Amino acid sequence: MRSSWSNIEDDLLGLYEDGGELNDDSRQFLERINFVEDRRVSDVGKRYLDSKFIFEREDHDEILRHEILNLREIRELCQSFYGQQTDRGKVERFFRTKTDVSDSREVGRILNLLNSLDIVSYSKRTKSVQFNEVDQVEEQDQDSYRVIHRTPYSNIKRLRRSIRACEDDLLWVDKHFSKKGLEPLSEEVTGDRFTSVRILCGPDNVTHKLRSDFERFEEEMGNRNIDAELRIMTDVEALDKLHDRWIISDGSSWNVPPINSLYRNQEAELHKVTEDISFDEWWDNATDILSNWNEVQKHI
């Protein structure tokens, strides 16, 4: 935000009434919050202006609030400080390190806007920022979710929401997958939306207990008409090249933190990806944990 919201709003109203040109800064911000489209006021923008300046429906703040919370950097900010009181300096550091916003005055304008929408309570005098518990931050269909140490329950909920966005064949690649990963799968993978679950991991966390739990998991998935397999990568060279973790499906695919890190509430992010993953190549060279257990035991 290169200008205050009141100035941007004046520009938007001028465009609505007179059809004039917006300056580039106002136009770019208004396009990001879906108030302007093709250099014209969008239907969302019209609803906002009509509510505030014509009909006085008093829902204009909620319209703006919804669009502001859909901005990725704002959503991540609110997820990171969910329900917490902090100081402006830490918020500025968040913006400098995680976003393209680096100007202190711009951070101030953002905080003033968030304050006016009851997303935060911001005191200019004390520089304190209280983040409110905004339910809308955790919508079902998001492109990313923050994993933070202050929200241990919500972190698992975010993983489940990522799984819930998938469908048909679900592929999970995690070099250090453990039996904890079976829990959210058993909750979210249902026969009306999935046909198979294939898990690919390295040998580090493979134990008799994992095999036993997966055997039960595989039986339960079968009762839901879902095929389930877990294979172990034993090729050291291939494992060394495997750094990221993914949940892949026809519906959506995600870059995810290691399952154990997620349960430890270590700072991370789950976000959608479109990159091609060499899953089939890894899968074809891996060893099945149930049918080839004797071979697997040589590597654990």
C-alpha atoms as a PDB file:
ATOM      1  CA  MET A   1       0.000   0.000   0.000  1.00  0.00           C
ATOM      2  CA  ARG A   2       1.765   3.118  -1.250  1.00  0.00           C
ATOM      3  CA  SER A   3      -1.162   5.286  -0.059  1.00  0.00           C
ATOM      4  CA  SER A   4      -3.571   5.175   2.859  1.00  0.00           C
ATOM      5  CA  TRP A   5      -6.806   3.254   2.361  1.00  0.00           C
ATOM      6  CA  SER A   6      -8.819   6.508   2.512  1.00  0.00           C
ATOM      7  CA  ASN A   7      -6.874   7.876  -0.482  1.00  0.00           C
ATOM      8  CA  ILE A   8      -7.199   4.611  -2.419  1.00  0.00           C
ATOM      9  CA  GLU A   9     -10.901   4.544  -1.624  1.00  0.00           C
ATOM     10  CA  ASP A  10     -11.294   8.112  -2.956  1.00  0.00           C
ATOM     11  CA  ASP A  11      -9.618   7.003  -6.194  1.00  0.00           C
ATOM     12  CA  LEU A  12     -11.968   4.015  -6.429  1.00  0.00           C
ATOM     13  CA  LEU A  13     -15.029   6.217  -5.877  1.00  0.00           C
ATOM     14  CA  GLY A  14     -13.786   8.627  -8.550  1.00  0.00           C
ATOM     15  CA  LEU A  15     -13.443   5.759 -11.003  1.00  0.00           C
ATOM     16  CA  TYR A  16     -16.983   4.602 -10.162  1.00  0.00           C
ATOM     17  CA  GLU A  17     -18.559   8.042 -10.534  1.00  0.00           C
ATOM     18  CA  ASP A  18     -16.545   9.599 -13.338  1.00  0.00           C
ATOM     19  CA  GLY A  19     -14.818   6.702 -15.083  1.00  0.00           C
ATOM     20  CA  GLY A  20     -11.446   8.381 -14.665  1.00  0.00           C
ATOM     21  CA  GLU A  21      -8.009   6.783 -14.631  1.00  0.00           C
ATOM     22  CA  LEU A  22      -6.448   5.344 -11.497  1.00  0.00           C
ATOM     23  CA  ASN A  23      -2.808   5.917 -10.676  1.00  0.00           C
ATOM     24  CA  ASP A  24      -0.729   2.734 -10.935  1.00  0.00           C
ATOM     25  CA  ASP A  25      -0.309   2.224  -7.178  1.00  0.00           C
ATOM     26  CA  SER A  26      -4.038   2.447  -6.429  1.00  0.00           C
ATOM     27  CA  ARG A  27      -4.945   0.301  -9.432  1.00  0.00           C
ATOM     28  CA  GLN A  28      -2.518  -2.477  -8.519  1.00  0.00           C
ATOM     29  CA  PHE A  29      -3.757  -2.683  -4.934  1.00  0.00           C
ATOM     30  CA  LEU A  30      -7.435  -2.528  -5.955  1.00  0.00           C
ATOM     31  CA  GLU A  31      -6.860  -5.272  -8.505  1.00  0.00           C
ATOM     32  CA  ARG A  32      -5.249  -7.459  -5.842  1.00  0.00           C
ATOM     33  CA  ILE A  33      -8.325  -7.160  -3.603  1.00  0.00           C
ATOM     34  CA  ASN A  34     -10.668  -7.723  -6.575  1.00  0.00           C
ATOM     35  CA  PHE A  35     -12.260  -4.249  -6.408  1.00  0.00           C
ATOM     36  CA  VAL A  36     -11.034  -3.382  -9.913  1.00  0.00           C
ATOM     37  CA  GLU A  37     -10.984  -5.594 -12.995  1.00  0.00           C
ATOM     38  CA  ASP A  38      -9.884  -4.566 -16.489  1.00  0.00           C
ATOM     39  CA  ARG A  39      -9.452  -0.994 -15.187  1.00  0.00           C
ATOM     40  CA  ARG A  40     -13.128  -0.840 -14.182  1.00  0.00           C
ATOM     41  CA  VAL A  41     -14.823  -1.181 -10.830  1.00  0.00           C
ATOM     42  CA  SER A  42     -15.642  -4.882 -10.391  1.00  0.00           C
ATOM     43  CA  ASP A  43     -18.905  -6.273  -9.029  1.00  0.00           C
ATOM     44  CA  VAL A  44     -17.207  -6.716  -5.633  1.00  0.00           C
ATOM     45  CA  GLY A  45     -16.009  -3.103  -5.720  1.00  0.00           C
ATOM     46  CA  LYS A  46     -19.491  -1.888  -6.655  1.00  0.00           C
ATOM     47  CA  ARG A  47     -21.032  -3.795  -3.754  1.00  0.00           C
ATOM     48  CA  TYR A  48     -18.548  -2.143  -1.409  1.00  0.00           C
ATOM     49  CA  LEU A  49     -19.163   1.390  -2.723  1.00  0.00           C
ATOM     50  CA  ASP A  50     -22.942   0.964  -2.942  1.00  0.00           C
ATOM     51  CA  SER A  51     -23.054  -0.318   0.633  1.00  0.00           C
ATOM     52  CA  LYS A  52     -20.960   2.529   2.029  1.00  0.00           C
ATOM     53  CA  PHE A  53     -21.859   5.559  -0.077  1.00  0.00           C
ATOM     54  CA  ILE A  54     -25.398   4.936  -1.401  1.00  0.00           C
ATOM     55  CA  PHE A  55     -27.555   2.431   0.457  1.00  0.00           C
ATOM     56  CA  GLU A  56     -25.778   2.482   3.852  1.00  0.00           C
ATOM     57  CA  ARG A  57     -26.196  -1.267   4.284  1.00  0.00           C
ATOM     58  CA  GLU A  58     -23.265  -1.237   6.718  1.00  0.00           C
ATOM     59  CA  ASP A  59     -21.701  -4.395   5.335  1.00  0.00           C
ATOM     60  CA  HIS A  60     -18.932  -2.593   3.419  1.00  0.00           C
ATOM     61  CA  ASP A  61     -16.331  -3.324   6.105  1.00  0.00           C
ATOM     62  CA  GLU A  62     -17.107  -7.043   5.912  1.00  0.00           C
ATOM     63  CA  ILE A  63     -16.737  -6.979   2.116  1.00  0.00           C
ATOM     64  CA  LEU A  64     -13.350  -5.267   2.384  1.00  0.00           C
ATOM     65  CA  ARG A  65     -12.293  -7.469   5.290  1.00  0.00           C
ATOM     66  CA  HIS A  66     -12.966 -10.616   3.265  1.00  0.00           C
ATOM     67  CA  GLU A  67     -10.819  -9.452   0.347  1.00  0.00           C
ATOM     68  CA  ILE A  68      -7.967  -8.182   2.554  1.00  0.00           C
ATOM     69  CA  LEU A  69      -7.793 -11.529   4.363  1.00  0.00           C
ATOM     70  CA  ASN A  70      -7.560 -13.269   0.989  1.00  0.00           C
ATOM     71  CA  LEU A  71      -4.227 -11.539   0.338  1.00  0.00           C
ATOM     72  CA  ARG A  72      -1.572 -14.179   0.871  1.00  0.00           C
ATOM     73  CA  GLU A  73       0.791 -11.991   2.914  1.00  0.00           C
ATOM     74  CA  ILE A  74      -2.030 -10.845   5.208  1.00  0.00           C
ATOM     75  CA  ARG A  75      -3.330 -14.370   5.668  1.00  0.00           C
ATOM     76  CA  GLU A  76       0.152 -15.641   6.543  1.00  0.00           C
ATOM     77  CA  LEU A  77       0.701 -12.715   8.906  1.00  0.00           C
ATOM     78  CA  CYS A  78      -2.537 -13.458  10.735  1.00  0.00           C
ATOM     79  CA  GLN A  79      -1.839 -17.186  10.866  1.00  0.00           C
ATOM     80  CA  SER A  80       1.652 -16.566  12.225  1.00  0.00           C
ATOM     81  CA  PHE A  81       0.471 -14.282  15.059  1.00  0.00           C
ATOM     82  CA  TYR A  82      -2.976 -15.812  15.550  1.00  0.00           C
ATOM     83  CA  GLY A  83      -4.480 -14.506  18.807  1.00  0.00           C
ATOM     84  CA  GLN A  84      -1.107 -13.161  19.973  1.00  0.00           C
ATOM     85  CA  GLN A  85      -0.018  -9.748  21.194  1.00  0.00           C
ATOM     86  CA  THR A  86       3.262  -8.563  19.731  1.00  0.00           C
ATOM     87  CA  ASP A  87       5.005  -5.313  18.837  1.00  0.00           C
ATOM     88  CA  ARG A  88       5.153  -3.432  15.579  1.00  0.00           C
ATOM     89  CA  GLY A  89       8.857  -4.149  15.162  1.00  0.00           C
ATOM     90  CA  LYS A  90       8.215  -7.872  14.859  1.00  0.00           C
ATOM     91  CA  VAL A  91       5.436  -7.259  12.352  1.00  0.00           C
ATOM     92  CA  GLU A  92       7.805  -5.106  10.289  1.00  0.00           C
ATOM     93  CA  ARG A  93      10.416  -7.858  10.450  1.00  0.00           C
ATOM     94  CA  PHE A  94       7.823 -10.364   9.239  1.00  0.00           C
ATOM     95  CA  PHE A  95       7.020  -8.195   6.213  1.00  0.00           C
ATOM     96  CA  ARG A  96      10.694  -7.536   5.411  1.00  0.00           C
ATOM     97  CA  THR A  97      11.671 -11.210   5.488  1.00  0.00           C
ATOM     98  CA  LYS A  98       8.522 -12.909   4.160  1.00  0.00           C
ATOM     99  CA  THR A  99       7.039 -10.441   1.640  1.00  0.00           C
ATOM    100  CA  ASP A 100       7.925  -7.639  -0.770  1.00  0.00           C
ATOM    101  CA  VAL A 101       6.923  -5.000   1.780  1.00  0.00           C
ATOM    102  CA  SER A 102       9.999  -3.333   3.293  1.00  0.00           C
ATOM    103  CA  ASP A 103       8.965   0.290   3.919  1.00  0.00           C
ATOM    104  CA  SER A 104       8.044   1.108   7.538  1.00  0.00           C
ATOM    105  CA  ARG A 105       5.418   3.622   6.469  1.00  0.00           C
ATOM    106  CA  GLU A 106       3.748   1.011   4.289  1.00  0.00           C
ATOM    107  CA  VAL A 107       3.611  -1.375   7.251  1.00  0.00           C
ATOM    108  CA  GLY A 108       1.971   1.410   9.251  1.00  0.00           C
ATOM    109  CA  ARG A 109      -0.685   1.908   6.579  1.00  0.00           C
ATOM    110  CA  ILE A 110      -1.363  -1.844   6.504  1.00  0.00           C
ATOM    111  CA  LEU A 111      -1.706  -1.984  10.296  1.00  0.00           C
ATOM    112  CA  ASN A 112      -4.069   0.991  10.284  1.00  0.00           C
ATOM    113  CA  LEU A 113      -6.257  -0.746   7.711  1.00  0.00           C
ATOM    114  CA  LEU A 114      -6.221  -4.046   9.627  1.00  0.00           C
ATOM    115  CA  ASN A 115      -7.097  -2.121  12.793  1.00  0.00           C
ATOM    116  CA  SER A 116     -10.082  -0.443  11.123  1.00  0.00           C
ATOM    117  CA  LEU A 117     -11.361  -3.873  10.032  1.00  0.00           C
ATOM    118  CA  ASP A 118     -10.986  -5.417  13.513  1.00  0.00           C
ATOM    119  CA  ILE A 119      -8.391  -7.893  12.281  1.00  0.00           C
ATOM    120  CA  VAL A 120      -5.865  -6.455  14.763  1.00  0.00           C
ATOM    121  CA  SER A 121      -5.945  -3.957  17.603  1.00  0.00           C
ATOM    122  CA  TYR A 122      -3.062  -1.607  16.899  1.00  0.00           C
ATOM    123  CA  SER A 123      -1.857   1.175  19.203  1.00  0.00           C
ATOM    124  CA  LYS A 124       0.256   3.847  17.531  1.00  0.00           C
ATOM    125  CA  ARG A 125       1.278   5.151  20.956  1.00  0.00           C
ATOM    126  CA  THR A 126       2.603   1.895  22.439  1.00  0.00           C
ATOM    127  CA  LYS A 127       3.381   0.193  19.072  1.00  0.00           C
ATOM    128  CA  SER A 128       1.598  -2.938  20.330  1.00  0.00           C
ATOM    129  CA  VAL A 129      -0.332  -5.173  17.939  1.00  0.00           C
ATOM    130  CA  GLN A 130      -2.965  -7.594  19.219  1.00  0.00           C
ATOM    131  CA  PHE A 131      -3.976 -10.119  16.575  1.00  0.00           C
ATOM    132  CA  ASN A 132      -7.579 -11.172  16.873  1.00  0.00           C
ATOM    133  CA  GLU A 133      -8.751 -14.744  16.406  1.00  0.00           C
ATOM    134  CA  VAL A 134     -10.054 -14.389  12.870  1.00  0.00           C
ATOM    135  CA  ASP A 135     -11.893 -17.508  11.703  1.00  0.00           C
ATOM    136  CA  GLN A 136     -11.715 -16.417   8.084  1.00  0.00           C
ATOM    137  CA  VAL A 137      -7.942 -16.832   8.146  1.00  0.00           C
ATOM    138  CA  GLU A 138      -8.552 -20.590   8.135  1.00  0.00           C
ATOM    139  CA  GLU A 139     -10.847 -20.996   5.141  1.00  0.00           C
ATOM    140  CA  GLN A 140     -11.158 -24.443   3.597  1.00  0.00           C
ATOM    141  CA  ASP A 141      -9.752 -23.756   0.159  1.00  0.00           C
ATOM    142  CA  GLN A 142      -6.494 -21.873   0.591  1.00  0.00           C
ATOM    143  CA  ASP A 143      -3.300 -22.020  -1.414  1.00  0.00           C
ATOM    144  CA  SER A 144      -1.109 -22.020   1.695  1.00  0.00           C
ATOM    145  CA  TYR A 145      -1.184 -22.572   5.455  1.00  0.00           C
ATOM    146  CA  ARG A 146       1.328 -21.528   8.094  1.00  0.00           C
ATOM    147  CA  VAL A 147       2.530 -24.022  10.703  1.00  0.00           C
ATOM    148  CA  ILE A 148       3.449 -22.234  13.932  1.00  0.00           C
ATOM    149  CA  HIS A 149       4.394 -23.397  17.422  1.00  0.00           C
ATOM    150  CA  ARG A 150       1.520 -21.532  19.130  1.00  0.00           C
ATOM    151  CA  THR A 151      -1.189 -23.523  17.320  1.00  0.00           C
ATOM    152  CA  PRO A 152      -0.377 -27.243  17.780  1.00  0.00           C
ATOM    153  CA  TYR A 153      -3.939 -28.429  17.157  1.00  0.00           C
ATOM    154  CA  SER A 154      -4.532 -26.102  14.189  1.00  0.00           C
ATOM    155  CA  ASN A 155      -1.303 -27.298  12.554  1.00  0.00           C
ATOM    156  CA  ILE A 156      -2.738 -30.803  12.184  1.00  0.00           C
ATOM    157  CA  LYS A 157      -6.042 -29.284  11.071  1.00  0.00           C
ATOM    158  CA  ARG A 158      -4.166 -27.430   8.313  1.00  0.00           C
ATOM    159  CA  LEU A 159      -2.598 -30.678   7.118  1.00  0.00           C
ATOM    160  CA  ARG A 160      -6.041 -32.282   7.051  1.00  0.00           C
ATOM    161  CA  ARG A 161      -7.423 -29.389   5.031  1.00  0.00           C
ATOM    162  CA  SER A 162      -4.618 -29.879   2.533  1.00  0.00           C
ATOM    163  CA  ILE A 163      -5.492 -33.572   2.229  1.00  0.00           C
ATOM    164  CA  ARG A 164      -9.176 -32.646   1.941  1.00  0.00           C
ATOM    165  CA  ALA A 165      -8.369 -30.570  -1.151  1.00  0.00           C
ATOM    166  CA  CYS A 166      -7.009 -33.689  -2.888  1.00  0.00           C
ATOM    167  CA  GLU A 167      -8.929 -36.407  -4.729  1.00  0.00           C
ATOM    168  CA  ASP A 168      -8.649 -39.705  -6.645  1.00  0.00           C
ATOM    169  CA  ASP A 169      -5.069 -41.015  -6.279  1.00  0.00           C
ATOM    170  CA  LEU A 170      -3.209 -39.535  -3.310  1.00  0.00           C
ATOM    171  CA  LEU A 171       0.586 -39.824  -3.324  1.00  0.00           C
ATOM    172  CA  TRP A 172       2.620 -38.812  -0.262  1.00  0.00           C
ATOM    173  CA  VAL A 173       6.392 -38.496  -0.509  1.00  0.00           C
ATOM    174  CA  ASP A 174       8.177 -37.956   2.805  1.00  0.00           C
ATOM    175  CA  LYS A 175      11.737 -39.163   3.291  1.00  0.00           C
ATOM    176  CA  HIS A 176      11.104 -39.482   7.048  1.00  0.00           C
ATOM    177  CA  PHE A 177       7.450 -40.550   7.037  1.00  0.00           C
ATOM    178  CA  SER A 178       6.298 -42.118  10.310  1.00  0.00           C
ATOM    179  CA  LYS A 179       3.165 -43.839  11.571  1.00  0.00           C
ATOM    180  CA  LYS A 180       1.818 -40.457  12.737  1.00  0.00           C
ATOM    181  CA  GLY A 181       1.104 -39.656   9.103  1.00  0.00           C
ATOM    182  CA  LEU A 182      -1.487 -42.432   8.954  1.00  0.00           C
ATOM    183  CA  GLU A 183      -3.736 -40.615  11.438  1.00  0.00           C
ATOM    184  CA  PRO A 184      -4.800 -37.639   9.277  1.00  0.00           C
ATOM    185  CA  LEU A 185      -5.089 -39.940   6.263  1.00  0.00           C
ATOM    186  CA  SER A 186      -7.489 -42.239   8.097  1.00  0.00           C
ATOM    187  CA  GLU A 187      -9.624 -39.194   8.979  1.00  0.00           C
ATOM    188  CA  GLU A 188      -9.734 -37.565   5.547  1.00  0.00           C
ATOM    189  CA  VAL A 189      -9.407 -40.273   2.881  1.00  0.00           C
ATOM    190  CA  THR A 190     -12.889 -41.556   2.068  1.00  0.00           C
ATOM    191  CA  GLY A 191     -14.170 -43.854  -0.640  1.00  0.00           C
ATOM    192  CA  ASP A 192     -16.395 -41.234  -2.254  1.00  0.00           C
ATOM    193  CA  ARG A 193     -13.401 -39.045  -3.168  1.00  0.00           C
ATOM    194  CA  PHE A 194     -10.315 -41.288  -3.295  1.00  0.00           C
ATOM    195  CA  THR A 195      -9.365 -44.464  -5.113  1.00  0.00           C
ATOM    196  CA  SER A 196      -5.847 -45.082  -3.805  1.00  0.00           C
ATOM    197  CA  VAL A 197      -3.218 -43.960  -1.311  1.00  0.00           C
ATOM    198  CA  ARG A 198       0.454 -44.511  -2.061  1.00  0.00           C
ATOM    199  CA  ILE A 199       3.092 -43.520   0.496  1.00  0.00           C
ATOM    200  CA  LEU A 200       6.782 -43.338  -0.347  1.00  0.00           C
ATOM    201  CA  CYS A 201       9.472 -42.879   2.292  1.00  0.00           C
ATOM    202  CA  GLY A 202      13.033 -43.696   3.269  1.00  0.00           C
ATOM    203  CA  PRO A 203      14.037 -46.384   5.795  1.00  0.00           C
ATOM    204  CA  ASP A 204      14.910 -44.124   8.755  1.00  0.00           C
ATOM    205  CA  ASN A 205      11.552 -44.289  10.587  1.00  0.00           C
ATOM    206  CA  VAL A 206      10.495 -47.714   9.333  1.00  0.00           C
ATOM    207  CA  THR A 207       9.838 -50.081  12.244  1.00  0.00           C
ATOM    208  CA  HIS A 208       7.833 -53.218  12.982  1.00  0.00           C
ATOM    209  CA  LYS A 209       5.256 -50.914  14.566  1.00  0.00           C
ATOM    210  CA  LEU A 210       4.902 -48.886  11.370  1.00  0.00           C
ATOM    211  CA  ARG A 211       4.455 -52.077   9.357  1.00  0.00           C
ATOM    212  CA  SER A 212       1.850 -53.357  11.803  1.00  0.00           C
ATOM    213  CA  ASP A 213      -0.060 -50.059  11.820  1.00  0.00           C
ATOM    214  CA  PHE A 214       0.074 -49.791   8.050  1.00  0.00           C
ATOM    215  CA  GLU A 215      -1.239 -53.339   7.684  1.00  0.00           C
ATOM    216  CA  ARG A 216      -4.317 -52.305   9.686  1.00  0.00           C
ATOM    217  CA  PHE A 217      -4.551 -49.050   7.726  1.00  0.00           C
ATOM    218  CA  GLU A 218      -4.381 -50.948   4.419  1.00  0.00           C
ATOM    219  CA  GLU A 219      -7.191 -53.274   5.561  1.00  0.00           C
ATOM    220  CA  GLU A 220      -9.386 -50.357   6.595  1.00  0.00           C
ATOM    221  CA  MET A 221      -8.765 -48.519   3.314  1.00  0.00           C
ATOM    222  CA  GLY A 222      -9.731 -51.730   1.501  1.00  0.00           C
ATOM    223  CA  ASN A 223     -13.052 -51.694   3.351  1.00  0.00           C
ATOM    224  CA  ARG A 224     -13.551 -48.220   1.841  1.00  0.00           C
ATOM    225  CA  ASN A 225     -12.682 -49.551  -1.638  1.00  0.00           C
ATOM    226  CA  ILE A 226      -9.377 -47.657  -1.580  1.00  0.00           C
ATOM    227  CA  ASP A 227      -6.073 -49.302  -2.495  1.00  0.00           C
ATOM    228  CA  ALA A 228      -3.259 -48.480  -0.052  1.00  0.00           C
ATOM    229  CA  GLU A 229       0.459 -49.148  -0.474  1.00  0.00           C
ATOM    230  CA  LEU A 230       3.587 -48.048   1.326  1.00  0.00           C
ATOM    231  CA  ARG A 231       6.993 -48.473  -0.268  1.00  0.00           C
ATOM    232  CA  ILE A 232      10.493 -47.841   1.032  1.00  0.00           C
ATOM    233  CA  MET A 233      13.201 -46.125  -1.009  1.00  0.00           C
ATOM    234  CA  THR A 234      16.513 -47.854  -0.387  1.00  0.00           C
ATOM    235  CA  ASP A 235      18.610 -46.255  -3.140  1.00  0.00           C
ATOM    236  CA  VAL A 236      21.003 -44.010  -1.161  1.00  0.00           C
ATOM    237  CA  GLU A 237      21.770 -41.785  -4.139  1.00  0.00           C
ATOM    238  CA  ALA A 238      18.074 -41.181  -4.838  1.00  0.00           C
ATOM    239  CA  LEU A 239      17.395 -40.497  -1.158  1.00  0.00           C
ATOM    240  CA  ASP A 240      20.196 -37.925  -1.014  1.00  0.00           C
ATOM    241  CA  LYS A 241      18.511 -35.995  -3.831  1.00  0.00           C
ATOM    242  CA  LEU A 242      15.135 -36.054  -2.073  1.00  0.00           C
ATOM    243  CA  HIS A 243      14.770 -32.923   0.057  1.00  0.00           C
ATOM    244  CA  ASP A 244      11.190 -31.641  -0.176  1.00  0.00           C
ATOM    245  CA  ARG A 245       8.049 -33.500   0.820  1.00  0.00           C
ATOM    246  CA  TRP A 246       4.877 -33.582  -1.234  1.00  0.00           C
ATOM    247  CA  ILE A 247       1.279 -34.695  -1.145  1.00  0.00           C
ATOM    248  CA  ILE A 248       0.246 -35.143  -4.787  1.00  0.00           C
ATOM    249  CA  SER A 249      -3.183 -35.734  -6.342  1.00  0.00           C
ATOM    250  CA  ASP A 250      -5.353 -34.923  -9.335  1.00  0.00           C
ATOM    251  CA  GLY A 251      -7.290 -32.378  -7.263  1.00  0.00           C
ATOM    252  CA  SER A 252      -4.331 -30.421  -5.926  1.00  0.00           C
ATOM    253  CA  SER A 253      -0.732 -30.998  -4.867  1.00  0.00           C
ATOM    254  CA  TRP A 254       1.113 -29.626  -1.856  1.00  0.00           C
ATOM    255  CA  ASN A 255       4.631 -29.036  -0.649  1.00  0.00           C
ATOM    256  CA  VAL A 256       4.438 -30.079   2.999  1.00  0.00           C
ATOM    257  CA  PRO A 257       6.803 -30.119   5.990  1.00  0.00           C
ATOM    258  CA  PRO A 258       8.113 -33.452   7.334  1.00  0.00           C
ATOM    259  CA  ILE A 259       5.316 -35.152   9.254  1.00  0.00           C
ATOM    260  CA  ASN A 260       7.380 -35.326  12.456  1.00  0.00           C
ATOM    261  CA  SER A 261       8.293 -31.620  12.224  1.00  0.00           C
ATOM    262  CA  LEU A 262       4.625 -30.783  11.819  1.00  0.00           C
ATOM    263  CA  TYR A 263       3.707 -32.701  14.971  1.00  0.00           C
ATOM    264  CA  ARG A 264       6.528 -30.908  16.801  1.00  0.00           C
ATOM    265  CA  ASN A 265       5.025 -27.545  15.703  1.00  0.00           C
ATOM    266  CA  GLN A 266       8.207 -26.395  14.025  1.00  0.00           C
ATOM    267  CA  GLU A 267       7.730 -23.248  11.913  1.00  0.00           C
ATOM    268  CA  ALA A 268       6.903 -24.196   8.332  1.00  0.00           C
ATOM    269  CA  GLU A 269       4.413 -23.781   5.527  1.00  0.00           C
ATOM    270  CA  LEU A 270       2.119 -25.973   3.472  1.00  0.00           C
ATOM    271  CA  HIS A 271       1.551 -24.561  -0.008  1.00  0.00           C
ATOM    272  CA  LYS A 272       0.109 -25.698  -3.315  1.00  0.00           C
ATOM    273  CA  VAL A 273       2.517 -26.597  -6.113  1.00  0.00           C
ATOM    274  CA  THR A 274       2.218 -27.251  -9.847  1.00  0.00           C
ATOM    275  CA  GLU A 275       5.710 -28.652 -10.432  1.00  0.00           C
ATOM    276  CA  ASP A 276       6.226 -32.129 -11.883  1.00  0.00           C
ATOM    277  CA  ILE A 277       7.370 -34.646  -9.260  1.00  0.00           C
ATOM    278  CA  SER A 278       9.294 -37.800 -10.305  1.00  0.00           C
ATOM    279  CA  PHE A 279       7.007 -40.004  -8.232  1.00  0.00           C
ATOM    280  CA  ASP A 280       6.582 -42.948 -10.630  1.00  0.00           C
ATOM    281  CA  GLU A 281      10.343 -43.295 -11.117  1.00  0.00           C
ATOM    282  CA  TRP A 282      10.927 -43.400  -7.358  1.00  0.00           C
ATOM    283  CA  TRP A 283       7.938 -45.665  -6.792  1.00  0.00           C
ATOM    284  CA  ASP A 284       8.973 -48.280  -9.344  1.00  0.00           C
ATOM    285  CA  ASN A 285      12.372 -48.640  -7.646  1.00  0.00           C
ATOM    286  CA  ALA A 286      11.036 -48.831  -4.068  1.00  0.00           C
ATOM    287  CA  THR A 287      10.218 -51.879  -1.928  1.00  0.00           C
ATOM    288  CA  ASP A 288       6.757 -52.738  -0.584  1.00  0.00           C
ATOM    289  CA  ILE A 289       6.616 -52.747   3.226  1.00  0.00           C
ATOM    290  CA  LEU A 290       4.114 -55.626   3.408  1.00  0.00           C
ATOM    291  CA  SER A 291       4.964 -58.047   0.602  1.00  0.00           C
ATOM    292  CA  ASN A 292       8.754 -57.535   0.761  1.00  0.00           C
ATOM    293  CA  TRP A 293       9.297 -57.034   4.487  1.00  0.00           C
ATOM    294  CA  ASN A 294      12.339 -59.308   4.590  1.00  0.00           C
ATOM    295  CA  GLU A 295      14.055 -57.109   1.999  1.00  0.00           C
ATOM    296  CA  VAL A 296      13.007 -53.922   3.818  1.00  0.00           C
ATOM    297  CA  GLN A 297      14.531 -55.193   7.093  1.00  0.00           C
ATOM    298  CA  LYS A 298      17.975 -55.267   5.483  1.00  0.00           C
ATOM    299  CA  HIS A 299      17.868 -51.455   5.242  1.00  0.00           C
ATOM    300  CA  ILE A 300      16.452 -50.473   8.655  1.00  0.00           C
END
